[in-house]
Amino acid sequence: MARLGWTMEQRAGVKTFSRLATLSAILCLIIGIVTLIMGNAAGWVMIGLAVIVWAGMFLFLRNTERSQP
């Protein structure tokens, strides 16, 4: 039996989620860097949040792809 691929709707959802997570991570990185430059140590929290958001997206997509029939 051939392995079935993702439907167009699933691919569109993955692409949308990936773009949203990447945009959020970039925004958090920019805000974190600007906050650090202004002298506030809370910028590290924003940079950590960006890493967590993007890593979460990566792990979610990898596990979802593996679970496809």
Protein backbone atom coordinates (compact mmCIF):
# COMPACT_ATOMS: atom_id res chain seq x y z
CA MET A 1 0.00 0.00 0.00
CA ALA A 2 1.36 3.40 -0.96
CA ARG A 3 2.04 5.92 1.74
CA LEU A 4 -0.54 8.69 1.62
CA GLY A 5 0.65 12.29 1.71
CA TRP A 6 -0.83 15.31 3.36
CA THR A 7 -3.96 16.87 1.94
CA MET A 8 -3.87 20.39 0.56
CA GLU A 9 -5.70 21.65 3.65
CA GLN A 10 -3.14 20.07 5.96
CA ARG A 11 -0.24 21.55 3.98
CA ALA A 12 -1.90 24.99 4.05
CA GLY A 13 -2.40 24.73 7.82
CA VAL A 14 1.22 23.74 8.35
CA LYS A 15 2.43 26.60 6.17
CA THR A 16 0.22 29.10 8.03
CA PHE A 17 1.33 27.84 11.45
CA SER A 18 4.97 27.88 10.37
CA ARG A 19 4.75 31.45 9.10
CA LEU A 20 2.96 32.63 12.24
CA ALA A 21 5.51 31.00 14.55
CA THR A 22 8.43 32.36 12.53
CA LEU A 23 6.94 35.87 12.49
CA SER A 24 6.35 35.72 16.25
CA ALA A 25 9.90 34.50 16.87
CA ILE A 26 11.40 37.27 14.72
CA LEU A 27 9.26 39.89 16.47
CA CYS A 28 10.31 38.59 19.90
CA LEU A 29 13.97 38.60 18.84
CA ILE A 30 13.76 42.19 17.63
CA ILE A 31 11.98 43.36 20.78
CA GLY A 32 14.45 41.43 22.95
CA ILE A 33 17.49 42.91 21.22
CA VAL A 34 16.10 46.43 21.39
CA THR A 35 15.28 45.95 25.08
CA LEU A 36 18.82 44.70 25.76
CA ILE A 37 20.33 47.66 23.91
CA MET A 38 18.23 50.02 26.05
CA GLY A 39 19.79 48.41 29.14
CA ASN A 40 16.94 46.25 30.40
CA ALA A 41 17.82 42.64 31.19
CA ALA A 42 14.24 41.54 30.42
CA GLY A 43 15.34 41.33 26.79
CA TRP A 44 16.77 37.91 27.58
CA VAL A 45 13.23 36.76 28.41
CA MET A 46 12.00 37.87 24.99
CA ILE A 47 14.90 36.15 23.24
CA GLY A 48 14.20 32.98 25.23
CA LEU A 49 10.52 33.21 24.29
CA ALA A 50 11.46 33.50 20.62
CA VAL A 51 13.59 30.37 20.85
CA ILE A 52 10.84 28.45 22.64
CA VAL A 53 8.17 29.48 20.11
CA TRP A 54 10.27 28.50 17.11
CA ALA A 55 11.54 25.26 18.66
CA GLY A 56 7.99 24.34 19.62
CA MET A 57 6.86 24.88 16.04
CA PHE A 58 9.71 22.76 14.73
CA LEU A 59 9.04 19.88 17.13
CA PHE A 60 5.28 20.00 16.51
CA LEU A 61 5.69 19.83 12.74
CA ARG A 62 8.27 17.05 12.95
CA ASN A 63 6.09 14.93 15.23
CA THR A 64 3.00 15.61 13.10
CA GLU A 65 4.82 14.55 9.95
CA ARG A 66 6.01 11.33 11.58
CA SER A 67 2.48 10.45 12.70
CA GLN A 68 1.03 10.66 9.18
CA PRO A 69 -0.01 7.29 7.75
